[in-house]
Protein backbone atom coordinates (compact mmCIF):
# COMPACT_ATOMS: atom_id res chain seq x y z
CA UNK A 1 0.00 0.00 0.00
CA UNK A 2 2.87 2.31 0.82
CA UNK A 3 4.46 1.50 -2.52
CA UNK A 4 1.24 2.40 -4.23
CA UNK A 5 1.08 5.75 -2.40
CA UNK A 6 4.66 6.57 -3.30
CA UNK A 7 4.02 5.84 -6.93
CA UNK A 8 0.94 8.09 -6.80
CA UNK A 9 2.99 10.99 -5.48
CA UNK A 10 5.57 10.45 -8.18
CA UNK A 11 2.83 10.35 -10.76
CA UNK A 12 1.35 13.59 -9.47
CA UNK A 13 4.76 15.25 -9.56
CA UNK A 14 5.37 14.11 -13.10
CA UNK A 15 1.94 15.38 -14.14
CA UNK A 16 2.59 18.75 -12.52
CA UNK A 17 5.93 19.03 -14.30
CA UNK A 18 4.31 18.07 -17.61
CA UNK A 19 1.63 20.72 -17.15
CA UNK A 20 4.28 23.35 -16.49
CA UNK A 21 6.23 22.32 -19.58
CA UNK A 22 3.01 22.42 -21.65
CA UNK A 23 2.18 25.94 -20.48
CA UNK A 24 5.69 27.15 -21.27
CA UNK A 25 5.53 25.50 -24.70
CA UNK A 26 2.19 27.13 -25.46
CA UNK A 27 3.59 30.52 -24.42
CA UNK A 28 6.59 30.19 -26.71
CA UNK A 29 4.41 28.93 -29.60
CA UNK A 30 2.10 31.95 -29.38
CA UNK A 31 5.02 34.33 -29.05
CA UNK A 32 6.83 32.76 -32.01
CA UNK A 33 3.75 33.22 -34.19
CA UNK A 34 3.52 36.88 -33.24
CA UNK A 35 7.20 37.39 -33.90
CA UNK A 36 6.92 35.58 -37.25
CA UNK A 37 4.05 37.83 -38.35
CA UNK A 38 6.00 40.90 -37.27
CA UNK A 39 9.05 39.66 -39.17
CA UNK A 40 6.95 39.24 -42.31
CA UNK A 41 5.62 42.79 -42.00
CA UNK A 42 9.12 44.16 -41.53
CA UNK A 43 10.43 42.17 -44.49
CA UNK A 44 7.63 43.53 -46.67
CA UNK A 45 8.42 47.09 -45.59
CA UNK A 46 12.10 46.53 -46.28
CA UNK A 47 11.29 45.19 -49.74
CA UNK A 48 9.16 48.25 -50.52
CA UNK A 49 11.86 50.58 -49.26
CA UNK A 50 14.46 48.69 -51.31
CA UNK A 51 12.46 49.21 -54.50
CA UNK A 52 12.39 52.97 -53.97
CA UNK A 53 15.41 55.09 -54.72
CA UNK A 54 16.38 56.73 -51.43
CA UNK A 55 18.29 59.44 -53.28
CA UNK A 56 15.41 60.34 -55.62
CA UNK A 57 14.03 63.87 -55.20
CA UNK A 58 11.47 65.91 -57.09
CA UNK A 59 12.53 67.81 -60.20
CA UNK A 60 11.36 71.12 -58.78
CA UNK A 61 13.35 70.59 -55.57
CA UNK A 62 16.35 69.65 -57.68
CA UNK A 63 16.04 72.94 -59.57
CA UNK A 64 15.88 74.94 -56.34
CA UNK A 65 18.93 73.14 -54.94
CA UNK A 66 20.81 73.86 -58.18
CA UNK A 67 19.87 77.54 -57.97
CA UNK A 68 21.37 77.76 -54.47
CA UNK A 69 24.48 75.86 -55.55
CA UNK A 70 24.81 78.04 -58.67
CA UNK A 71 24.49 81.20 -56.56
CA UNK A 72 27.34 80.09 -54.30
CA UNK A 73 29.51 79.55 -57.40
CA UNK A 74 28.57 83.02 -58.67
CA UNK A 75 29.55 84.59 -55.34
CA UNK A 76 32.92 82.87 -55.35
CA UNK A 77 33.56 83.88 -58.98
CA UNK A 78 32.61 87.50 -58.23
CA UNK A 79 34.98 87.64 -55.29
CA UNK A 80 37.85 86.32 -57.42
CA UNK A 81 40.28 88.67 -59.17
CA UNK A 82 40.96 86.28 -62.05
CA UNK A 83 39.47 87.35 -65.40
CA UNK A 84 38.65 83.75 -66.31
CA UNK A 85 36.71 83.33 -63.06
CA UNK A 86 34.75 86.52 -63.73
CA UNK A 87 33.88 85.35 -67.24
CA UNK A 88 32.73 82.04 -65.77
CA UNK A 89 30.59 84.03 -63.33
CA UNK A 90 28.79 85.70 -66.26
CA UNK A 91 27.98 82.29 -67.74
CA UNK A 92 26.74 81.13 -64.34
CA UNK A 93 24.42 84.14 -64.28
CA UNK A 94 22.86 82.88 -67.53
CA UNK A 95 22.47 79.41 -66.01
CA UNK A 96 20.80 80.91 -62.95
CA UNK A 97 18.33 82.77 -65.17
CA UNK A 98 17.53 79.55 -67.04
CA UNK A 99 16.98 77.59 -63.79
CA UNK A 100 14.71 80.31 -62.42
CA UNK A 101 12.74 80.21 -65.68
CA UNK A 102 12.30 76.44 -65.30
CA UNK A 103 11.00 76.87 -61.75
CA UNK A 104 8.52 79.54 -62.88
CA UNK A 105 7.10 77.53 -65.79
CA UNK A 106 6.68 74.43 -63.58
CA UNK A 107 3.80 76.21 -61.84
CA UNK A 108 2.07 76.76 -65.22
CA UNK A 109 2.00 73.13 -66.38
CA UNK A 110 -1.80 72.94 -66.08
CA UNK A 111 -2.19 75.95 -68.41
CA UNK A 112 -0.49 75.03 -71.72
CA UNK A 113 -0.99 78.48 -73.29
CA UNK A 114 0.53 80.39 -70.38
CA UNK A 115 3.25 77.74 -70.07
CA UNK A 116 4.30 78.13 -73.71
CA UNK A 117 4.12 81.94 -73.65
CA UNK A 118 6.22 82.19 -70.49
CA UNK A 119 8.76 79.68 -71.78
CA UNK A 120 9.04 81.39 -75.19
CA UNK A 121 9.49 84.82 -73.59
CA UNK A 122 12.19 83.57 -71.22
CA UNK A 123 14.07 81.68 -73.93
CA UNK A 124 13.89 84.70 -76.27
CA UNK A 125 15.44 86.84 -73.56
CA UNK A 126 18.24 84.31 -73.07
CA UNK A 127 18.84 84.14 -76.82
CA UNK A 128 19.05 87.93 -77.00
CA UNK A 129 21.72 87.89 -74.29
CA UNK A 130 23.67 85.11 -76.01
CA UNK A 131 23.38 86.47 -79.56
CA UNK A 132 26.60 88.19 -80.70
CA UNK A 133 26.17 91.83 -81.57
CA UNK A 134 26.84 92.90 -85.21
CA UNK A 135 30.42 93.95 -85.72
CA UNK A 136 30.83 97.66 -86.34
CA UNK A 137 33.78 98.85 -88.42
CA UNK A 138 34.44 102.56 -88.11
CA UNK A 139 36.32 104.32 -90.86
CA UNK A 140 37.31 107.95 -90.63
CA UNK A 141 37.01 109.80 -93.91
CA UNK A 142 39.87 112.29 -94.12
CA UNK A 143 39.30 115.34 -96.24
CA UNK A 144 41.63 118.18 -97.03
CA UNK A 145 40.81 121.37 -95.21
CA UNK A 146 40.22 124.55 -97.11
CA UNK A 147 43.40 126.63 -97.43
CA UNK A 148 41.44 129.84 -97.08
CA UNK A 149 42.09 131.17 -93.55
CA UNK A 150 38.62 132.73 -93.52
CA UNK A 151 36.91 129.33 -93.25
CA UNK A 152 34.86 129.04 -90.04
CA UNK A 153 36.15 126.78 -87.27
CA UNK A 154 32.77 125.03 -87.11
CA UNK A 155 32.98 124.00 -90.78
CA UNK A 156 36.47 122.55 -90.25
CA UNK A 157 35.24 120.53 -87.26
CA UNK A 158 32.34 119.13 -89.30
CA UNK A 159 34.73 117.94 -92.02
CA UNK A 160 37.05 116.24 -89.54
CA UNK A 161 34.20 114.57 -87.59
CA UNK A 162 32.66 112.90 -90.67
CA UNK A 163 32.45 109.11 -89.97
CA UNK A 164 31.08 106.24 -91.99
CA UNK A 165 29.83 103.03 -90.26
CA UNK A 166 29.70 99.64 -91.94
CA UNK A 167 27.58 96.82 -90.46
CA UNK A 168 28.69 93.23 -91.03
CA UNK A 169 25.81 90.94 -92.05
CA UNK A 170 25.41 87.82 -89.84
CA UNK A 171 22.67 86.26 -91.98
CA UNK A 172 24.85 83.33 -93.14
CA UNK A 173 25.75 82.40 -89.57
CA UNK A 174 22.08 82.35 -88.55
CA UNK A 175 21.22 80.12 -91.53
CA UNK A 176 24.00 77.68 -90.60
CA UNK A 177 22.80 77.58 -87.02
CA UNK A 178 19.22 76.90 -88.15
CA UNK A 179 20.40 73.99 -90.30
CA UNK A 180 22.40 72.55 -87.38
CA UNK A 181 19.31 72.72 -85.16
CA UNK A 182 17.18 70.88 -87.74
CA UNK A 183 19.87 68.20 -88.16
CA UNK A 184 20.05 67.68 -84.39
CA UNK A 185 16.27 67.37 -84.26
CA UNK A 186 16.27 64.73 -86.98
CA UNK A 187 18.98 62.73 -85.16
CA UNK A 188 16.90 62.79 -81.98
CA UNK A 189 13.82 61.58 -83.89
CA UNK A 190 15.79 58.70 -85.42
CA UNK A 191 16.94 57.61 -81.96
CA UNK A 192 13.38 57.85 -80.62
CA UNK A 193 11.99 55.81 -83.52
CA UNK A 194 14.56 53.04 -82.97
CA UNK A 195 13.70 52.88 -79.27
CA UNK A 196 9.95 52.79 -79.95
CA UNK A 197 10.23 50.12 -82.64
CA UNK A 198 12.31 47.93 -80.33
CA UNK A 199 9.54 48.15 -77.68
CA UNK A 200 6.58 47.93 -80.07
CA UNK A 201 5.75 44.31 -79.18
CA UNK A 202 5.83 44.97 -75.43
CA UNK A 203 3.12 47.63 -75.15
CA UNK A 204 -0.32 48.09 -76.61
CA UNK A 205 -1.06 51.35 -78.39
CA UNK A 206 2.51 51.88 -79.57
CA UNK A 207 1.19 52.28 -83.13
CA UNK A 208 -0.48 55.60 -82.27
CA UNK A 209 2.83 56.93 -80.93
CA UNK A 210 4.61 55.88 -84.13
CA UNK A 211 1.94 57.67 -86.19
CA UNK A 212 2.51 60.88 -84.24
CA UNK A 213 6.25 60.45 -84.74
CA UNK A 214 5.70 60.03 -88.51
CA UNK A 215 3.79 63.30 -88.54
CA UNK A 216 6.58 65.02 -86.63
CA UNK A 217 9.19 63.68 -89.07
CA UNK A 218 7.18 65.03 -92.02
CA UNK A 219 7.08 68.44 -90.39
CA UNK A 220 10.84 68.37 -89.87
CA UNK A 221 11.38 67.36 -93.51
CA UNK A 222 9.22 70.30 -94.63
CA UNK A 223 11.30 72.64 -92.48
CA UNK A 224 14.48 71.32 -94.07
CA UNK A 225 13.02 71.88 -97.57
CA UNK A 226 12.09 75.45 -96.64
CA UNK A 227 15.60 76.02 -95.37
CA UNK A 228 16.93 74.78 -98.71
CA UNK A 229 14.72 77.32 -100.49
CA UNK A 230 16.05 80.10 -98.26
CA UNK A 231 19.65 79.13 -98.97
CA UNK A 232 19.05 79.01 -102.74
CA UNK A 233 17.45 82.44 -102.69
CA UNK A 234 20.31 83.78 -100.59
CA UNK A 235 22.89 82.52 -103.11
CA UNK A 236 20.86 83.97 -105.97
CA UNK A 237 20.78 87.38 -104.29
CA UNK A 238 24.53 87.31 -103.70
CA UNK A 239 25.10 86.53 -107.38
CA UNK A 240 22.72 89.30 -108.43
CA UNK A 241 24.45 91.78 -106.15
CA UNK A 242 27.86 90.88 -107.59
CA UNK A 243 26.56 91.23 -111.16
CA UNK A 244 25.18 94.69 -110.36
CA UNK A 245 21.58 94.13 -111.49
CA UNK A 246 19.33 97.23 -111.54
CA UNK A 247 15.63 97.23 -110.65
CA UNK A 248 12.73 99.57 -109.94
CA UNK A 249 13.26 102.70 -107.84
CA UNK A 250 9.94 102.30 -106.02
CA UNK A 251 9.81 100.40 -102.74
CA UNK A 252 6.81 98.24 -101.89
CA UNK A 253 6.76 98.12 -98.09
CA UNK A 254 4.73 95.23 -96.67
CA UNK A 255 3.92 94.36 -93.10
CA UNK A 256 5.97 91.38 -91.79
CA UNK A 257 2.89 89.29 -90.95
CA UNK A 258 3.80 86.17 -92.95
CA UNK A 259 6.17 84.93 -90.25
CA UNK A 260 3.06 83.81 -88.39
CA UNK A 261 2.91 80.72 -90.59
CA UNK A 262 6.41 79.63 -89.59
CA UNK A 263 5.71 80.26 -85.90
CA UNK A 264 2.47 78.29 -86.23
CA UNK A 265 4.48 75.35 -87.60
CA UNK A 266 6.71 75.55 -84.51
CA UNK A 267 3.59 75.44 -82.30
CA UNK A 268 2.29 72.46 -84.30
CA UNK A 269 5.53 70.58 -83.58
CA UNK A 270 5.25 71.41 -79.87
CA UNK A 271 1.69 70.01 -79.82
CA UNK A 272 2.92 66.83 -81.48
CA UNK A 273 5.59 66.45 -78.79
CA UNK A 274 2.95 66.91 -76.06
CA UNK A 275 0.76 64.24 -77.66
CA UNK A 276 3.72 61.83 -77.72
CA UNK A 277 4.39 62.46 -74.04
CA UNK A 278 0.75 61.89 -73.08
CA UNK A 279 0.56 58.63 -75.05
CA UNK A 280 3.74 57.28 -73.45
CA UNK A 281 2.43 58.16 -69.98
CA UNK A 282 -0.83 56.32 -70.73
CA UNK A 283 1.09 53.19 -71.73
CA UNK A 284 2.92 53.25 -68.37
CA UNK A 285 5.99 51.20 -69.39
CA UNK A 286 8.71 50.06 -67.05
CA UNK A 287 10.76 52.71 -65.28
CA UNK A 288 13.99 52.19 -67.27
CA UNK A 289 12.26 52.13 -70.65
CA UNK A 290 10.09 55.15 -69.81
CA UNK A 291 13.22 57.07 -68.85
CA UNK A 292 14.85 56.32 -72.22
CA UNK A 293 11.74 57.45 -74.11
CA UNK A 294 11.46 60.57 -71.97
CA UNK A 295 15.10 61.50 -72.65
CA UNK A 296 14.57 61.15 -76.40
CA UNK A 297 11.44 63.34 -76.31
CA UNK A 298 13.21 65.93 -74.14
CA UNK A 299 15.98 66.10 -76.75
CA UNK A 300 13.39 66.80 -79.47
CA UNK A 301 11.75 69.42 -77.23
CA UNK A 302 15.06 71.23 -76.75
CA UNK A 303 15.74 71.37 -80.48
CA UNK A 304 12.19 72.64 -81.05
CA UNK A 305 12.87 75.46 -78.57
CA UNK A 306 16.02 76.34 -80.53
CA UNK A 307 13.95 76.41 -83.72
CA UNK A 308 11.61 78.89 -82.01
CA UNK A 309 14.63 81.04 -81.21
CA UNK A 310 15.79 80.93 -84.84
CA UNK A 311 12.31 81.98 -86.00
CA UNK A 312 12.47 84.93 -83.61
CA UNK A 313 15.83 85.94 -85.10
CA UNK A 314 14.43 85.79 -88.64
CA UNK A 315 11.42 87.84 -87.56
CA UNK A 316 13.67 90.54 -86.06
CA UNK A 317 15.77 90.68 -89.25
CA UNK A 318 12.65 90.96 -91.41
CA UNK A 319 11.27 93.79 -89.25
CA UNK A 320 14.62 95.59 -89.43
CA UNK A 321 14.69 95.31 -93.23
CA UNK A 322 11.18 96.76 -93.53
CA UNK A 323 12.16 99.66 -91.28
CA UNK A 324 15.23 100.39 -93.43
CA UNK A 325 13.12 100.26 -96.59
CA UNK A 326 10.69 102.81 -95.15
CA UNK A 327 13.54 105.15 -94.25
CA UNK A 328 15.12 104.84 -97.69
CA UNK A 329 11.77 105.44 -99.39
CA UNK A 330 11.36 108.64 -97.37
CA UNK A 331 14.87 109.76 -98.38
CA UNK A 332 14.12 109.09 -102.05
CA UNK A 333 10.94 111.15 -101.87
CA UNK A 334 12.84 114.02 -100.25
CA UNK A 335 15.59 113.83 -102.91
CA UNK A 336 12.98 113.86 -105.68
CA UNK A 337 11.24 116.88 -104.14
CA UNK A 338 14.55 118.76 -103.86
CA UNK A 339 15.44 117.98 -107.49
CA UNK A 340 12.03 119.17 -108.69
CA UNK A 341 12.36 122.40 -106.71
CA UNK A 342 15.86 122.99 -108.09
CA UNK A 343 14.67 122.44 -111.66
CA UNK A 344 11.77 124.88 -111.19
CA UNK A 345 14.11 127.53 -109.78
CA UNK A 346 16.49 127.03 -112.70
CA UNK A 347 13.68 127.31 -115.31
CA UNK A 348 12.07 130.53 -113.92
CA UNK A 349 15.31 132.28 -112.92
CA UNK A 350 16.75 135.33 -114.70
CA UNK A 351 18.61 134.83 -117.95
CA UNK A 352 21.70 136.72 -116.86
CA UNK A 353 22.77 134.31 -114.11
CA UNK A 354 26.46 134.38 -113.31
CA UNK A 355 28.65 131.57 -114.70
CA UNK A 356 30.02 130.58 -111.29
CA UNK A 357 26.47 130.21 -109.86
CA UNK A 358 25.55 127.88 -112.76
CA UNK A 359 28.61 125.71 -112.13
CA UNK A 360 27.74 125.48 -108.42
CA UNK A 361 24.16 124.40 -109.24
CA UNK A 362 25.45 121.73 -111.64
CA UNK A 363 27.83 120.40 -108.99
CA UNK A 364 24.99 120.21 -106.43
CA UNK A 365 22.77 118.36 -108.94
CA UNK A 366 25.56 115.87 -109.70
CA UNK A 367 26.06 115.17 -105.99
CA UNK A 368 22.31 114.63 -105.58
CA UNK A 369 22.29 112.22 -108.53
CA UNK A 370 25.15 110.22 -107.02
CA UNK A 371 23.41 110.02 -103.64
CA UNK A 372 20.19 108.97 -105.33
CA UNK A 373 21.98 106.22 -107.28
CA UNK A 374 23.56 104.89 -104.08
CA UNK A 375 20.18 104.88 -102.36
CA UNK A 376 18.58 103.12 -105.34
CA UNK A 377 21.22 100.36 -105.22
CA UNK A 378 20.66 99.88 -101.50
CA UNK A 379 16.89 99.86 -102.01
CA UNK A 380 17.28 97.20 -104.70
CA UNK A 381 19.32 94.96 -102.41
CA UNK A 382 16.98 95.34 -99.43
CA UNK A 383 13.87 94.91 -101.56
CA UNK A 384 15.23 91.71 -103.12
CA UNK A 385 16.14 90.35 -99.68
CA UNK A 386 12.64 91.05 -98.36
CA UNK A 387 11.06 89.47 -101.44
CA UNK A 388 12.94 86.18 -101.10
CA UNK A 389 12.19 86.01 -97.37
CA UNK A 390 8.50 86.69 -97.98
CA UNK A 391 8.43 84.04 -100.72
CA UNK A 392 10.03 81.48 -98.44
CA UNK A 393 7.60 82.31 -95.63
CA UNK A 394 4.64 81.94 -98.02
CA UNK A 395 5.93 78.48 -98.92
CA UNK A 396 6.13 77.63 -95.22
CA UNK A 397 2.53 78.76 -94.74
CA UNK A 398 1.35 76.51 -97.58
CA UNK A 399 3.17 73.52 -96.11
CA UNK A 400 1.73 74.26 -92.67
CA UNK A 401 -1.82 74.35 -94.08
CA UNK A 402 -1.19 70.98 -95.74
CA UNK A 403 0.08 69.51 -92.47
CA UNK A 404 -2.93 70.89 -90.61
CA UNK A 405 -5.32 69.28 -93.11
CA UNK A 406 -3.57 65.92 -92.66
CA UNK A 407 -3.74 66.30 -88.88
CA UNK A 408 -7.49 67.01 -89.00
CA UNK A 409 -8.00 64.00 -91.28
CA UNK A 410 -6.08 61.72 -88.88
CA UNK A 411 -7.43 62.94 -85.52
CA UNK A 412 -10.78 64.49 -86.45
CA UNK A 413 -10.12 67.61 -84.38
CA UNK A 414 -8.71 71.05 -85.14
CA UNK A 415 -5.15 71.67 -83.94
CA UNK A 416 -4.77 74.52 -81.49
CA UNK A 417 -1.09 75.15 -82.40
């Protein structure tokens, strides 16, 4: 009986120990499950954080940081006494102006019209600052002074102060720059087409992007053809000037309104670029591929902005030519009126005019004829230059109207460019 009681106590002790072990095991099992779930959550968060680029910042914040960094460089360049550092500071001022322009237009993205106007105005201002000024060559015309001691001192000063200014034409340089811009734009379009065609099978709707790119390439080809026409007319005018052709003395002054067609073609290209960007965003490709496409489109956008700058330069030159033609026409009218008045005075004057007075009148008439001939030659050159520019701009307007008709036929809506 005692043995049985001892065994019962042992059994109870073993059972108590087993219960304690079971409770501890249950505690650790529950805790391990909680820890496992927490580990899974942390692993998921780490995976999400790993997919994001910790160094990535917004483009607008990047621009503001660059403005601050650029300003510190400007301050250091200004404080330097080295001429090279000061020249670098001037270039950094231009970069600062460009960065500030980018920050300003970022706030106008939802308003395309205001965005384009602000961007065009800012870029035009930058181009004006970068454009080299026409070279001025000053030649002093030396004339022999009158030996008569009775000549007034004021007349002698007028003879010695006579100066002639010659302006060097930069038209050829602007034409070369325009051709370089168009070539760069075509290279960027070729790179974009190759990238799109390599990804055509991966995304739906890529055909619509390629159609827009075809339209953009046609517009660029038309621009290149128009540039060829301008170059041919320029060469023809140079040949005509060398041969000394003579034309009409009358000047037909026209308002420079035909440049609107060329600027409209620039706006049409900008609309095509915007459509390409919207279509690529709708396709939502992978991050790396989208970045490559975005870089190609940004390259085309930059060249299109340079084309806008070239158009502004041509518009300024055309306006300047019209202003010179108006001034020369006024001078011709004044010369003609003076000649008519001189002829009337000579016809109604007394018969016994002195011989020396007649010689002086003939000399004055000869000088007026020479001045009139010089003005007529200059009028001929300016009039021919305006005519070939107007003809080229008319051709651009016709090509733009054709492109607009094709765009309406393809999309069914009127372009706002």
